[in-house]
Amino acid sequence: MSATATMICVACVEENKGRKCDHEKPVKELGLDHHQACENSSFLHSVINMVGMLIGLGQLSMPFAVENGGWISLLLLISLGVLTTYTSHILGNCLRRHPKSKSYSDIGYSAFGRNGRLIASLFIYLQIFMALVSYTISLHDNIAAAFPATFTNHHNGYFPAAKLTAVAVAIALPSLWIRDLSSISFLSSGGILMSALIFGSVVYTAIFGGVSDNGRIPLLRLGNIPMVSGIYLFGFGGHIVFPNLYTSMKDPSKFTKVSIVSFATVTALYTALAITGATMFGPSVNPQITLSLPKHSLVTKIALWATVLTPMTKYALEFAPLAIQLERSLPLNMTDRTKLVARGLVGSAILLVILALALTVPFFGYVLSLTGSLVSVTIAVILPSAFYLKICWDGMSKLKKVANLGFIVFGCVLGVLGSFDSSKSLVKELVRVHGG
């Protein structure tokens, strides 16, 4: 956090006003000074942040998605990777057209006014909330598997898995207080390290683990494609943070190159993991690949703990946009310390609700698919294309106009079909488990 933050009027930023401020008291903008926000992050630093934002829970379900969608669905995975690379690029174009826009919701305001900001903010909050629910479900599942069943799951056990999950969430809670994105790059690096450990564990097991395929995966299961597309899209849905990454770059003109390198890296990792895990476990693969690895193996324990630690590296990045918006909405005369306390209390309350929901609806694959189909497709495909069309319409070729309109329609179709399928499956599981 900078002690020499440039004085910026939050109200003017929110309303996207011109250069002249008509508010009486300018205030610090989240402790991030403008010079720092624009000049701190190098190309490599930005790539680390973007890759760290993208890689997470999505990788755990890639083999499960391939098993459900068939081998041909890998083409959909790669295609969605290319599409979301493009939509991150056009978000950068929107920011270049309106340099005063500093966040995803600011771009929505530039495109469609207050309604655009409202819609963008709504989906940002949904994305944050549902992603954190998914992370906490994963944390619970893997922390239970990391300990003997008699220790974590038995009714008379000393420390049930749910309580152990609550302790882990409490340990991760202080990360929500981080305000400076340059500090979060450390957490991004940690997330990348955890992802590398998971990937390495799966590859090691495939080569040396003696696991044999339990059955063949078909070429295509067309009926499952909507649900599978939701899982794939979840892995590419980091766009709400990209404007913050853009404004933190020393040279924002390299944002497109950052996007290409980051998405290519992530898509390659997802594809390799999907192929390896699906080949190794076949139809018996778990929605989280770490739970399919051979029990009692040291490599498996490493993968489980890497998965347990992943949410701890993700909470701050996921919560950052909500925290920024929260601090902007607080009274201008409120001190920085009071804002920090308010931020901490709100974050703690949200995380407690998320913990309770995650323990009640522990169906990782379906929750991940629903999040991708309902929210990620909107954040990563539909809204960026809509913003771009509105903001840059005058200078666009007919081909770009038609292409972006097509992306909006494509995203809407995937979103509706995927949300319906995953919701139906989730309700069936809830009735089966909780309905007796």
Foldseek 3Di string as FASTA:
>chain_A
DAPDADFAALVCLVQVDDPDDPDDGTHGQLNQHLCQLAAVAELVLLLLLQLLLQDAQLLQQLQVLCLLFAQQCLVVLVVLLVQLLVLLVLVLVLCVLRVSHQFQLSLLCLQPNPVRSVVSVVLLVLLLLLVLLLLLLLLLVLVCQLDDVQQAPDPPHPHHSLNVSVVLLVVLLVLQLDRDVSVLSVLSNLLVVLLVLLLVLLVCCLVPVPFAEPDDRHRGDPLCSLLSSLSSLLSSQSSRCSSSSLSSHSDSVCSSVSSVVNSVVSSVSSSVSNVSQCRRYPPVQDSGNLVVGDGPDPSSSSNSVSSNCNVSSNSNVSCNVVLSVQLSPDDRPDDPVVSSVVSSVVSVVSSVVSSVVSVLQSDNSLSSSLSSLARRLCNSFQSSLSSSCRSVVVPDDPVSVVVSVVSNVVSNVSSVSSNVVSVVVSVVVSCVVVVD
